C-alpha atoms as a PDB file:
ATOM      1  CA  MET A   1     184.505 189.166   9.064  1.00  0.00           C
ATOM      2  CA  ASP A   2     181.245 188.641   8.556  1.00  0.00           C
ATOM      3  CA  TYR A   3     179.867 190.468   5.100  1.00  0.00           C
ATOM      4  CA  ARG A   4     175.959 190.935   4.063  1.00  0.00           C
ATOM      5  CA  PHE A   5     174.407 192.853   1.284  1.00  0.00           C
ATOM      6  CA  LEU A   6     171.213 194.757   2.156  1.00  0.00           C
ATOM      7  CA  PRO A   7     168.983 196.405  -0.751  1.00  0.00           C
ATOM      8  CA  LYS A   8     168.788 199.815  -0.757  1.00  0.00           C
ATOM      9  CA  LYS A   9     165.199 199.890   0.722  1.00  0.00           C
ATOM     10  CA  GLY A  10     166.493 198.009   3.540  1.00  0.00           C
ATOM     11  CA  LEU A  11     167.827 201.039   5.153  1.00  0.00           C
ATOM     12  CA  SER A  12     164.201 202.300   5.907  1.00  0.00           C
ATOM     13  CA  LEU A  13     163.473 199.222   7.816  1.00  0.00           C
ATOM     14  CA  PHE A  14     166.355 198.887   9.593  1.00  0.00           C
ATOM     15  CA  VAL A  15     166.275 202.405  11.044  1.00  0.00           C
ATOM     16  CA  ASP A  16     162.576 202.171  11.636  1.00  0.00           C
ATOM     17  CA  GLY A  17     163.235 198.936  13.724  1.00  0.00           C
ATOM     18  CA  LEU A  18     165.641 200.353  15.951  1.00  0.00           C
ATOM     19  CA  LEU A  19     163.967 203.762  16.696  1.00  0.00           C
ATOM     20  CA  LYS A  20     161.502 201.062  18.256  1.00  0.00           C
ATOM     21  CA  ASP A  21     163.669 200.150  20.701  1.00  0.00           C
ATOM     22  CA  PHE A  22     166.962 202.767  20.930  1.00  0.00           C
ATOM     23  CA  LYS A  23     167.257 206.504  20.631  1.00  0.00           C
ATOM     24  CA  VAL A  24     168.988 206.870  17.480  1.00  0.00           C
ATOM     25  CA  TYR A  25     171.812 210.008  16.830  1.00  0.00           C
ATOM     26  CA  GLY A  26     173.454 210.581  13.313  1.00  0.00           C
ATOM     27  CA  PRO A  27     174.099 213.285  11.128  1.00  0.00           C
ATOM     28  CA  VAL A  28     171.800 215.230   9.637  1.00  0.00           C
ATOM     29  CA  LYS A  29     172.676 218.580   7.555  1.00  0.00           C
ATOM     30  CA  MET A  30     172.203 221.927   9.917  1.00  0.00           C
ATOM     31  CA  ASP A  31     172.868 225.397   8.180  1.00  0.00           C
ATOM     32  CA  GLY A  32     174.761 223.231   5.766  1.00  0.00           C
ATOM     33  CA  PHE A  33     176.643 221.085   7.621  1.00  0.00           C
ATOM     34  CA  PRO A  34     176.572 218.207   9.174  1.00  0.00           C
ATOM     35  CA  VAL A  35     176.021 217.528  13.086  1.00  0.00           C
ATOM     36  CA  TYR A  36     175.208 214.476  15.169  1.00  0.00           C
ATOM     37  CA  GLU A  37     171.430 215.070  16.198  1.00  0.00           C
ATOM     38  CA  GLU A  38     168.514 212.270  17.362  1.00  0.00           C
ATOM     39  CA  VAL A  39     167.139 211.134  14.378  1.00  0.00           C
ATOM     40  CA  SER A  40     163.022 210.316  13.563  1.00  0.00           C
ATOM     41  CA  SER A  41     163.515 208.205  10.363  1.00  0.00           C
ATOM     42  CA  ALA A  42     166.653 207.398   8.184  1.00  0.00           C
ATOM     43  CA  LYS A  43     165.662 209.784   5.210  1.00  0.00           C
ATOM     44  CA  GLU A  44     167.163 212.783   8.031  1.00  0.00           C
ATOM     45  CA  LEU A  45     170.310 210.959   7.909  1.00  0.00           C
ATOM     46  CA  LEU A  46     173.798 211.838   5.541  1.00  0.00           C
ATOM     47  CA  LEU A  47     175.404 208.617   5.037  1.00  0.00           C
ATOM     48  CA  MET A  48     178.218 210.200   2.706  1.00  0.00           C
ATOM     49  CA  HIS A  49     178.802 213.273   4.935  1.00  0.00           C
ATOM     50  CA  SER A  50     181.949 215.476   4.875  1.00  0.00           C
ATOM     51  CA  PRO A  51     183.537 215.585   8.217  1.00  0.00           C
ATOM     52  CA  SER A  52     181.654 217.169  11.119  1.00  0.00           C
ATOM     53  CA  HIS A  53     182.845 220.192  13.374  1.00  0.00           C
ATOM     54  CA  ILE A  54     181.631 218.127  16.448  1.00  0.00           C
ATOM     55  CA  THR A  55     182.425 215.236  17.653  1.00  0.00           C
ATOM     56  CA  PRO A  56     179.455 212.212  18.707  1.00  0.00           C
ATOM     57  CA  LYS A  57     181.536 211.363  22.045  1.00  0.00           C
ATOM     58  CA  LYS A  58     178.627 213.977  23.891  1.00  0.00           C
ATOM     59  CA  TYR A  59     176.582 210.812  23.576  1.00  0.00           C
ATOM     60  CA  LEU A  60     178.888 209.133  25.962  1.00  0.00           C
ATOM     61  CA  PHE A  61     180.487 212.081  27.374  1.00  0.00           C
ATOM     62  CA  PRO A  62     178.149 214.355  27.955  1.00  0.00           C
ATOM     63  CA  GLN A  63     179.071 218.302  27.669  1.00  0.00           C
ATOM     64  CA  ARG A  64     177.260 218.916  31.233  1.00  0.00           C
ATOM     65  CA  GLU A  65     176.169 215.716  33.409  1.00  0.00           C
ATOM     66  CA  THR A  66     175.074 215.340  36.839  1.00  0.00           C
ATOM     67  CA  LEU A  67     176.854 213.095  39.115  1.00  0.00           C
ATOM     68  CA  LEU A  68     174.965 212.979  42.403  1.00  0.00           C
ATOM     69  CA  ARG A  69     172.217 214.690  43.778  1.00  0.00           C
ATOM     70  CA  PHE A  70     172.361 215.272  47.694  1.00  0.00           C
ATOM     71  CA  LYS A  71     170.114 217.349  50.728  1.00  0.00           C
ATOM     72  CA  THR A  72     171.220 218.721  53.417  1.00  0.00           C
ATOM     73  CA  GLY A  73     169.533 218.307  56.721  1.00  0.00           C
ATOM     74  CA  GLU A  74     169.020 216.425  60.066  1.00  0.00           C
ATOM     75  CA  LYS A  75     169.410 213.666  57.578  1.00  0.00           C
ATOM     76  CA  PRO A  76     171.552 214.214  54.652  1.00  0.00           C
ATOM     77  CA  GLN A  77     170.880 211.839  51.530  1.00  0.00           C
ATOM     78  CA  VAL A  78     173.159 211.746  48.659  1.00  0.00           C
ATOM     79  CA  GLU A  79     171.561 209.767  45.071  1.00  0.00           C
ATOM     80  CA  HIS A  80     174.135 208.677  42.767  1.00  0.00           C
ATOM     81  CA  ALA A  81     172.980 209.911  39.510  1.00  0.00           C
ATOM     82  CA  ALA A  82     173.791 207.756  35.628  1.00  0.00           C
ATOM     83  CA  ASP A  83     171.212 208.127  33.675  1.00  0.00           C
ATOM     84  CA  ALA A  84     171.710 205.755  30.840  1.00  0.00           C
ATOM     85  CA  ASP A  85     169.304 205.251  27.951  1.00  0.00           C
ATOM     86  CA  ASN A  86     169.671 202.180  24.902  1.00  0.00           C
ATOM     87  CA  GLN A  87     171.176 204.748  22.021  1.00  0.00           C
ATOM     88  CA  VAL A  88     172.390 204.209  18.411  1.00  0.00           C
ATOM     89  CA  LEU A  89     175.551 206.247  17.110  1.00  0.00           C
ATOM     90  CA  PHE A  90     174.517 206.253  13.480  1.00  0.00           C
ATOM     91  CA  GLY A  91     177.065 206.984  11.153  1.00  0.00           C
ATOM     92  CA  ILE A  92     180.084 206.999  13.216  1.00  0.00           C
ATOM     93  CA  HIS A  93     183.341 208.120  10.858  1.00  0.00           C
ATOM     94  CA  PRO A  94     186.669 205.770  11.205  1.00  0.00           C
ATOM     95  CA  CYS A  95     188.613 208.486  12.961  1.00  0.00           C
ATOM     96  CA  ASP A  96     185.683 208.736  15.821  1.00  0.00           C
ATOM     97  CA  ILE A  97     185.587 204.764  15.999  1.00  0.00           C
ATOM     98  CA  HIS A  98     188.931 204.647  16.828  1.00  0.00           C
ATOM     99  CA  ALA A  99     188.068 207.774  19.079  1.00  0.00           C
ATOM    100  CA  ILE A 100     185.744 205.858  21.337  1.00  0.00           C
ATOM    101  CA  ARG A 101     187.960 203.051  21.707  1.00  0.00           C
ATOM    102  CA  LEU A 102     190.676 205.460  23.529  1.00  0.00           C
ATOM    103  CA  LEU A 103     187.741 206.656  25.070  1.00  0.00           C
ATOM    104  CA  ASP A 104     187.096 203.096  26.529  1.00  0.00           C
ATOM    105  CA  ARG A 105     190.203 202.924  27.583  1.00  0.00           C
ATOM    106  CA  VAL A 106     190.189 205.898  29.985  1.00  0.00           C
ATOM    107  CA  PHE A 107     187.091 205.492  31.689  1.00  0.00           C
ATOM    108  CA  ALA A 108     187.851 202.160  32.129  1.00  0.00           C
ATOM    109  CA  TYR A 109     191.400 202.782  33.643  1.00  0.00           C
ATOM    110  CA  GLY A 110     192.033 202.915  37.282  1.00  0.00           C
ATOM    111  CA  THR A 111     189.219 203.323  39.272  1.00  0.00           C
ATOM    112  CA  PRO A 112     186.151 202.806  36.486  1.00  0.00           C
ATOM    113  CA  ASP A 113     183.688 205.707  35.477  1.00  0.00           C
ATOM    114  CA  VAL A 114     181.076 204.121  36.122  1.00  0.00           C
ATOM    115  CA  ASN A 115     178.581 206.892  34.340  1.00  0.00           C
ATOM    116  CA  TYR A 116     180.637 206.676  31.286  1.00  0.00           C
ATOM    117  CA  LEU A 117     180.784 202.896  31.226  1.00  0.00           C
ATOM    118  CA  ARG A 118     177.141 202.380  31.816  1.00  0.00           C
ATOM    119  CA  ARG A 119     176.011 204.267  29.031  1.00  0.00           C
ATOM    120  CA  ARG A 120     178.986 203.315  26.807  1.00  0.00           C
ATOM    121  CA  GLU A 121     177.507 199.440  27.552  1.00  0.00           C
ATOM    122  CA  LYS A 122     173.847 200.790  26.163  1.00  0.00           C
ATOM    123  CA  THR A 123     175.129 201.914  23.515  1.00  0.00           C
ATOM    124  CA  ILE A 124     175.834 200.358  19.919  1.00  0.00           C
ATOM    125  CA  ILE A 125     178.012 201.818  16.985  1.00  0.00           C
ATOM    126  CA  ILE A 126     177.339 201.781  13.572  1.00  0.00           C
ATOM    127  CA  GLY A 127     180.158 203.418  11.370  1.00  0.00           C
ATOM    128  CA  THR A 128     180.255 204.856   7.965  1.00  0.00           C
ATOM    129  CA  GLU A 129     183.027 205.539   5.398  1.00  0.00           C
ATOM    130  CA  CYS A 130     183.754 209.252   4.361  1.00  0.00           C
ATOM    131  CA  LEU A 131     185.909 211.286   2.102  1.00  0.00           C
ATOM    132  CA  PRO A 132     188.788 213.367   3.175  1.00  0.00           C
ATOM    133  CA  ASP A 133     188.850 217.208   2.950  1.00  0.00           C
ATOM    134  CA  LYS A 134     191.991 219.372   3.477  1.00  0.00           C
ATOM    135  CA  PHE A 135     192.295 218.861   7.379  1.00  0.00           C
ATOM    136  CA  CYS A 136     191.949 215.253   7.453  1.00  0.00           C
ATOM    137  CA  PHE A 137     194.853 213.233   7.950  1.00  0.00           C
ATOM    138  CA  CYS A 138     193.479 209.897   9.194  1.00  0.00           C
ATOM    139  CA  ARG A 139     195.907 208.280   7.056  1.00  0.00           C
ATOM    140  CA  SER A 140     198.825 209.297   8.379  1.00  0.00           C
ATOM    141  CA  VAL A 141     198.258 208.124  12.108  1.00  0.00           C
ATOM    142  CA  ASN A 142     196.597 204.456  10.506  1.00  0.00           C
ATOM    143  CA  THR A 143     192.664 205.674  11.484  1.00  0.00           C
ATOM    144  CA  MET A 144     191.442 205.557   7.817  1.00  0.00           C
ATOM    145  CA  THR A 145     189.905 202.609   8.537  1.00  0.00           C
ATOM    146  CA  ALA A 146     187.974 200.617  11.501  1.00  0.00           C
ATOM    147  CA  ALA A 147     188.346 196.741  11.437  1.00  0.00           C
ATOM    148  CA  ASN A 148     186.616 196.531  14.946  1.00  0.00           C
ATOM    149  CA  ASP A 149     185.094 198.552  17.964  1.00  0.00           C
ATOM    150  CA  PHE A 150     181.765 198.729  16.006  1.00  0.00           C
ATOM    151  CA  ASP A 151     179.073 196.785  15.760  1.00  0.00           C
ATOM    152  CA  LEU A 152     177.763 197.087  12.342  1.00  0.00           C
ATOM    153  CA  PHE A 153     179.547 199.620   9.479  1.00  0.00           C
ATOM    154  CA  ILE A 154     177.480 200.362   6.540  1.00  0.00           C
ATOM    155  CA  HIS A 155     178.593 201.439   3.298  1.00  0.00           C
ATOM    156  CA  ASP A 156     177.014 202.664   0.202  1.00  0.00           C
ATOM    157  CA  ILE A 157     177.715 200.135  -2.884  1.00  0.00           C
ATOM    158  CA  GLY A 158     175.349 201.450  -5.484  1.00  0.00           C
ATOM    159  CA  ALA A 159     172.871 199.060  -5.483  1.00  0.00           C
ATOM    160  CA  GLY A 160     172.653 198.476  -2.235  1.00  0.00           C
ATOM    161  CA  PHE A 161     174.464 198.604   1.368  1.00  0.00           C
ATOM    162  CA  LEU A 162     177.720 196.216   1.935  1.00  0.00           C
ATOM    163  CA  VAL A 163     177.139 195.571   5.731  1.00  0.00           C
ATOM    164  CA  LYS A 164     180.670 194.550   7.685  1.00  0.00           C
ATOM    165  CA  ILE A 165     179.538 193.046  11.489  1.00  0.00           C
ATOM    166  CA  GLY A 166     181.644 193.660  13.965  1.00  0.00           C
ATOM    167  CA  THR A 167     179.665 192.324  17.611  1.00  0.00           C
ATOM    168  CA  GLU A 168     177.174 189.254  17.832  1.00  0.00           C
ATOM    169  CA  LYS A 169     174.712 192.170  19.207  1.00  0.00           C
ATOM    170  CA  GLY A 170     175.262 194.024  15.353  1.00  0.00           C
ATOM    171  CA  LYS A 171     174.467 190.847  14.008  1.00  0.00           C
ATOM    172  CA  GLU A 172     171.160 190.019  16.227  1.00  0.00           C
ATOM    173  CA  LEU A 173     169.942 193.949  15.450  1.00  0.00           C
ATOM    174  CA  LEU A 174     170.394 193.454  11.496  1.00  0.00           C
ATOM    175  CA  PHE A 175     169.171 190.188  11.565  1.00  0.00           C
ATOM    176  CA  ARG A 176     165.771 190.925  13.092  1.00  0.00           C
ATOM    177  CA  HIS A 177     164.913 194.024  11.575  1.00  0.00           C
ATOM    178  CA  VAL A 178     165.734 193.142   7.725  1.00  0.00           C
ATOM    179  CA  LYS A 179     166.705 190.512   5.528  1.00  0.00           C
ATOM    180  CA  THR A 180     170.104 190.308   4.001  1.00  0.00           C
ATOM    181  CA  ARG A 181     172.385 187.893   2.173  1.00  0.00           C
ATOM    182  CA  LYS A 182     176.195 186.947   2.259  1.00  0.00           C
ATOM    183  CA  ALA A 183     177.586 190.033   0.280  1.00  0.00           C
ATOM    184  CA  THR A 184     179.628 188.531  -3.013  1.00  0.00           C
ATOM    185  CA  ILE A 185     183.641 189.106  -3.423  1.00  0.00           C
ATOM    186  CA  LYS A 186     182.425 191.395  -5.939  1.00  0.00           C
ATOM    187  CA  GLU A 187     180.923 193.440  -3.764  1.00  0.00           C
ATOM    188  CA  ILE A 188     183.180 193.405  -0.653  1.00  0.00           C
ATOM    189  CA  SER A 189     185.698 194.527  -3.594  1.00  0.00           C
ATOM    190  CA  LYS A 190     183.925 197.529  -4.293  1.00  0.00           C
ATOM    191  CA  LEU A 191     184.971 198.482  -0.385  1.00  0.00           C
ATOM    192  CA  VAL A 192     188.484 198.163  -1.480  1.00  0.00           C
ATOM    193  CA  GLU A 193     188.532 200.046  -4.168  1.00  0.00           C
ATOM    194  CA  PHE A 194     186.793 202.531  -2.330  1.00  0.00           C
ATOM    195  CA  HIS A 195     189.561 202.849   0.371  1.00  0.00           C
ATOM    196  CA  LYS A 196     192.203 203.077  -2.735  1.00  0.00           C
ATOM    197  CA  LYS A 197     190.735 206.242  -3.883  1.00  0.00           C
ATOM    198  CA  LYS A 198     189.888 207.836  -0.379  1.00  0.00           C
ATOM    199  CA  GLU A 199     193.643 207.122  -0.169  1.00  0.00           C
ATOM    200  CA  SER A 200     195.010 209.070  -2.698  1.00  0.00           C
ATOM    201  CA  MET A 201     192.479 211.912  -1.825  1.00  0.00           C
ATOM    202  CA  PHE A 202     194.097 213.146   1.151  1.00  0.00           C
ATOM    203  CA  THR A 203     196.352 216.382   1.004  1.00  0.00           C
ATOM    204  CA  ALA A 204     197.264 217.137   4.555  1.00  0.00           C
ATOM    205  CA  SER A 205     200.332 214.784   5.683  1.00  0.00           C
ATOM    206  CA  ILE A 206     202.402 213.793   8.686  1.00  0.00           C
ATOM    207  CA  ASN A 207     205.865 213.510   7.333  1.00  0.00           C
ATOM    208  CA  ALA A 208     206.520 211.117   9.730  1.00  0.00           C
ATOM    209  CA  GLU A 209     205.783 207.489  10.337  1.00  0.00           C
ATOM    210  CA  PRO A 210     203.150 207.341  13.969  1.00  0.00           C
ATOM    211  CA  SER A 211     205.098 205.148  15.796  1.00  0.00           C
ATOM    212  CA  THR A 212     208.310 207.944  15.690  1.00  0.00           C
ATOM    213  CA  LEU A 213     205.740 210.616  16.891  1.00  0.00           C
ATOM    214  CA  PRO A 214     206.434 210.230  20.832  1.00  0.00           C
ATOM    215  CA  LEU A 215     209.866 210.781  20.820  1.00  0.00           C
ATOM    216  CA  ILE A 216     210.060 213.609  18.074  1.00  0.00           C
ATOM    217  CA  TYR A 217     207.811 214.817  20.777  1.00  0.00           C
ATOM    218  CA  SER A 218     209.878 214.454  23.845  1.00  0.00           C
ATOM    219  CA  GLY A 219     212.484 216.103  22.085  1.00  0.00           C
ATOM    220  CA  SER A 220     210.934 219.496  21.234  1.00  0.00           C
ATOM    221  CA  TYR A 221     210.210 220.534  24.649  1.00  0.00           C
ATOM    222  CA  ASP A 222     212.451 223.753  23.753  1.00  0.00           C
ATOM    223  CA  SER A 223     211.544 224.393  20.350  1.00  0.00           C
ATOM    224  CA  PRO A 224     210.860 227.807  19.156  1.00  0.00           C
ATOM    225  CA  VAL A 225     207.435 226.392  17.245  1.00  0.00           C
ATOM    226  CA  TRP A 226     205.534 226.666  20.788  1.00  0.00           C
ATOM    227  CA  GLU A 227     206.204 230.583  21.328  1.00  0.00           C
ATOM    228  CA  GLU A 228     205.590 231.316  17.996  1.00  0.00           C
ATOM    229  CA  ILE A 229     202.060 230.095  17.732  1.00  0.00           C
ATOM    230  CA  GLY A 230     201.576 230.804  21.545  1.00  0.00           C
ATOM    231  CA  LYS A 231     202.097 234.854  20.414  1.00  0.00           C
ATOM    232  CA  ILE A 232     198.452 234.064  18.171  1.00  0.00           C
ATOM    233  CA  CYS A 233     196.507 231.529  20.080  1.00  0.00           C
ATOM    234  CA  TYR A 234     193.112 233.227  21.472  1.00  0.00           C
ATOM    235  CA  GLY A 235     193.589 230.551  24.358  1.00  0.00           C
ATOM    236  CA  CYS A 236     189.541 230.089  23.643  1.00  0.00           C
ATOM    237  CA  GLY A 237     189.730 226.431  23.837  1.00  0.00           C
ATOM    238  CA  SER A 238     188.168 225.612  20.805  1.00  0.00           C
ATOM    239  CA  CYS A 239     190.107 223.071  19.917  1.00  0.00           C
ATOM    240  CA  ASN A 240     189.653 220.783  23.240  1.00  0.00           C
ATOM    241  CA  LEU A 241     185.882 221.254  22.878  1.00  0.00           C
ATOM    242  CA  VAL A 242     185.812 219.752  19.285  1.00  0.00           C
ATOM    243  CA  CYS A 243     188.307 216.747  20.323  1.00  0.00           C
ATOM    244  CA  PRO A 244     187.091 213.149  20.279  1.00  0.00           C
ATOM    245  CA  THR A 245     189.728 212.311  22.237  1.00  0.00           C
ATOM    246  CA  CYS A 246     190.082 215.015  24.854  1.00  0.00           C
ATOM    247  CA  TYR A 247     188.477 213.724  27.968  1.00  0.00           C
ATOM    248  CA  CYS A 248     188.844 216.336  30.523  1.00  0.00           C
ATOM    249  CA  PHE A 249     186.213 217.637  32.894  1.00  0.00           C
ATOM    250  CA  ASP A 250     185.562 219.878  36.071  1.00  0.00           C
ATOM    251  CA  VAL A 251     183.716 218.837  39.036  1.00  0.00           C
ATOM    252  CA  ARG A 252     181.135 221.786  40.451  1.00  0.00           C
ATOM    253  CA  ASP A 253     178.297 222.161  43.273  1.00  0.00           C
ATOM    254  CA  ASP A 254     175.390 223.742  42.714  1.00  0.00           C
ATOM    255  CA  ILE A 255     173.183 224.375  45.765  1.00  0.00           C
ATOM    256  CA  SER A 256     169.813 225.475  45.568  1.00  0.00           C
ATOM    257  CA  LEU A 257     168.342 228.784  47.291  1.00  0.00           C
ATOM    258  CA  ASN A 258     166.767 227.246  49.457  1.00  0.00           C
ATOM    259  CA  MET A 259     169.971 225.797  51.211  1.00  0.00           C
ATOM    260  CA  LYS A 260     168.371 222.472  51.360  1.00  0.00           C
ATOM    261  CA  ASP A 261     169.709 220.397  48.352  1.00  0.00           C
ATOM    262  CA  GLY A 262     171.804 220.442  45.345  1.00  0.00           C
ATOM    263  CA  GLU A 263     173.898 218.673  42.714  1.00  0.00           C
ATOM    264  CA  ARG A 264     177.381 217.649  41.873  1.00  0.00           C
ATOM    265  CA  TYR A 265     177.734 217.720  37.944  1.00  0.00           C
ATOM    266  CA  ARG A 266     180.876 218.026  35.592  1.00  0.00           C
ATOM    267  CA  VAL A 267     181.585 219.783  32.762  1.00  0.00           C
ATOM    268  CA  TRP A 268     184.191 219.860  30.031  1.00  0.00           C
ATOM    269  CA  ASP A 269     187.255 221.707  30.686  1.00  0.00           C
ATOM    270  CA  GLY A 270     190.143 222.171  28.178  1.00  0.00           C
ATOM    271  CA  CYS A 271     194.180 222.636  28.794  1.00  0.00           C
ATOM    272  CA  LEU A 272     194.232 225.550  26.352  1.00  0.00           C
ATOM    273  CA  LEU A 273     192.002 227.610  28.985  1.00  0.00           C
ATOM    274  CA  GLU A 274     193.719 229.926  31.413  1.00  0.00           C
ATOM    275  CA  ASP A 275     192.400 228.345  34.652  1.00  0.00           C
ATOM    276  CA  PHE A 276     192.999 224.823  33.454  1.00  0.00           C
ATOM    277  CA  ALA A 277     196.465 224.296  35.798  1.00  0.00           C
ATOM    278  CA  LYS A 278     195.900 227.115  38.063  1.00  0.00           C
ATOM    279  CA  VAL A 279     196.247 225.889  41.974  1.00  0.00           C
ATOM    280  CA  ALA A 280     195.526 227.499  44.987  1.00  0.00           C
ATOM    281  CA  GLY A 281     197.069 230.898  45.622  1.00  0.00           C
ATOM    282  CA  GLY A 282     196.501 231.866  41.969  1.00  0.00           C
ATOM    283  CA  HIS A 283     199.823 229.685  41.068  1.00  0.00           C
ATOM    284  CA  ASN A 284     200.002 228.446  37.515  1.00  0.00           C
ATOM    285  CA  PHE A 285     201.989 225.645  35.895  1.00  0.00           C
ATOM    286  CA  ARG A 286     201.419 226.629  32.386  1.00  0.00           C
ATOM    287  CA  LYS A 287     200.832 230.511  32.057  1.00  0.00           C
ATOM    288  CA  THR A 288     201.734 231.135  28.613  1.00  0.00           C
ATOM    289  CA  ARG A 289     200.024 229.801  26.092  1.00  0.00           C
ATOM    290  CA  GLY A 290     202.599 228.326  24.263  1.00  0.00           C
ATOM    291  CA  GLU A 291     203.303 226.247  27.143  1.00  0.00           C
ATOM    292  CA  ARG A 292     199.571 225.601  27.282  1.00  0.00           C
ATOM    293  CA  LEU A 293     199.628 224.274  23.212  1.00  0.00           C
ATOM    294  CA  ARG A 294     203.317 222.496  23.882  1.00  0.00           C
ATOM    295  CA  HIS A 295     200.998 220.588  26.951  1.00  0.00           C
ATOM    296  CA  ARG A 296     198.087 219.783  23.977  1.00  0.00           C
ATOM    297  CA  PHE A 297     200.457 218.204  21.586  1.00  0.00           C
ATOM    298  CA  ASN A 298     202.306 216.658  23.793  1.00  0.00           C
ATOM    299  CA  ARG A 299     198.986 214.681  25.429  1.00  0.00           C
ATOM    300  CA  LYS A 300     198.237 213.673  21.659  1.00  0.00           C
ATOM    301  CA  PHE A 301     201.276 212.473  20.310  1.00  0.00           C
ATOM    302  CA  GLN A 302     203.537 211.320  23.432  1.00  0.00           C
ATOM    303  CA  PHE A 303     202.331 211.374  27.088  1.00  0.00           C
ATOM    304  CA  GLN A 304     199.171 208.693  26.461  1.00  0.00           C
ATOM    305  CA  VAL A 305     201.066 206.324  24.556  1.00  0.00           C
ATOM    306  CA  ASP A 306     202.562 204.416  26.762  1.00  0.00           C
ATOM    307  CA  LYS A 307     199.502 204.082  29.451  1.00  0.00           C
ATOM    308  CA  PHE A 308     196.793 203.696  26.840  1.00  0.00           C
ATOM    309  CA  GLY A 309     198.395 202.260  24.106  1.00  0.00           C
ATOM    310  CA  GLY A 310     198.377 204.570  21.299  1.00  0.00           C
ATOM    311  CA  LEU A 311     198.492 208.244  20.080  1.00  0.00           C
ATOM    312  CA  PHE A 312     195.511 210.571  20.988  1.00  0.00           C
ATOM    313  CA  CYS A 313     195.508 212.093  17.645  1.00  0.00           C
ATOM    314  CA  VAL A 314     193.017 210.161  15.451  1.00  0.00           C
ATOM    315  CA  GLY A 315     193.537 212.464  12.479  1.00  0.00           C
ATOM    316  CA  CYS A 316     190.216 214.073  12.668  1.00  0.00           C
ATOM    317  CA  GLY A 317     191.575 217.476  11.739  1.00  0.00           C
ATOM    318  CA  ARG A 318     189.046 219.397  13.472  1.00  0.00           C
ATOM    319  CA  CYS A 319     191.034 221.114  15.644  1.00  0.00           C
ATOM    320  CA  SER A 320     193.056 222.996  12.699  1.00  0.00           C
ATOM    321  CA  ARG A 321     189.047 223.530  11.405  1.00  0.00           C
ATOM    322  CA  ALA A 322     187.730 225.024  14.440  1.00  0.00           C
ATOM    323  CA  CYS A 323     191.108 227.447  15.326  1.00  0.00           C
ATOM    324  CA  LEU A 324     190.203 231.155  14.637  1.00  0.00           C
ATOM    325  CA  VAL A 325     193.841 231.875  14.110  1.00  0.00           C
ATOM    326  CA  ASN A 326     194.182 228.533  11.575  1.00  0.00           C
ATOM    327  CA  ILE A 327     196.593 226.692  13.794  1.00  0.00           C
ATOM    328  CA  ASN A 328     197.107 223.905  11.786  1.00  0.00           C
ATOM    329  CA  ILE A 329     197.912 220.469  14.203  1.00  0.00           C
ATOM    330  CA  VAL A 330     199.560 218.593  10.678  1.00  0.00           C
ATOM    331  CA  GLU A 331     201.707 222.142   9.955  1.00  0.00           C
ATOM    332  CA  ILE A 332     203.090 222.084  13.667  1.00  0.00           C
ATOM    333  CA  THR A 333     204.226 218.893  13.723  1.00  0.00           C
ATOM    334  CA  ASN A 334     206.284 218.710  10.017  1.00  0.00           C
ATOM    335  CA  LYS A 335     208.072 221.560  11.552  1.00  0.00           C
ATOM    336  CA  LEU A 336     209.082 219.546  14.639  1.00  0.00           C
ATOM    337  CA  ILE A 337     209.937 216.632  12.544  1.00  0.00           C
ATOM    338  CA  GLU A 338     211.770 219.061  10.427  1.00  0.00           C
ATOM    339  CA  GLU A 339     213.676 220.043  13.273  1.00  0.00           C
ATOM    340  CA  ARG A 340     214.780 217.300  14.950  1.00  0.00           C
ATOM    341  CA  GLU A 341     216.095 215.842  10.583  1.00  0.00           C
ATOM    342  CA  THR A 342     218.114 219.223  10.385  1.00  0.00           C
ATOM    343  CA  GLY A 343     218.935 219.654  13.568  1.00  0.00           C
ATOM    344  CA  LYS A 344     218.309 223.228  13.749  1.00  0.00           C
ATOM    345  CA  LYS A 345     215.479 224.912  15.633  1.00  0.00           C
ATOM    346  CA  GLU A 346     215.060 228.438  13.991  1.00  0.00           C
END
């Protein structure tokens, strides 16, 4: 890994350079909280921000996206829509970098998703470090740091920024817009020190190795935990909306009043919503909220592991942070671990 040192004043120059060729999205403060929005200068960016409530995946997989436009009549026409601008996602935390890697695998699997992949191809990922809050547990699922899957990774070390180069594209952009020098061993060691500090700050922790979680969840089908949390769940889908690895969507058609043209679009969907598993005739494969919660948790820790090579929970804690009734993914997982270890299901 190539490490470079960027002086403090160089950051503004770098962002200004990027803005000439890209739309730049990064964490800004809104109503006292960090959110990802388009920025027009480096001054707006919060590089060492607390975890955001909303994931940056919306810039790769929009909440509402037109797939095609069509016209009816004697000569029907269909036009595929796949808008994609050159863009930079700046200030992406390690857990979200891991989440984007998983989404890349999902949308390239089987029949490739042209819209996602075209947008991903035009996207530069620039990561930054962070500090955990009481909901974060990325250390427990091995996503506390990111070794790759980014173009550049920038860390503030006081006198300037330590920049890890992840791709040739990232290197070319850095060298084009600012002057840097090779980082010293002492400067690189500050990142190692930071990681030790960060590791000691976690208060949320899963009580098992990540590799054991698929097996633990596979044996949890009849656990009373699901009925217990199903009784308090609102079924609002907040956990689906804030999750960086949820990728389910619904496809809809919208026809104009003149009945001559329209569009097909997709919108985010979520397995906690009542109609998600409903089929023709009104039959529902997961009628209760407990069943829907069991499905969602298993999607994160069991079902996807073999197909895509990793847990689909990156430990960001957003679902617990956003839950209106305080259903906590770490606490639920630890209950299932305890049930397996003791052989008791209370």
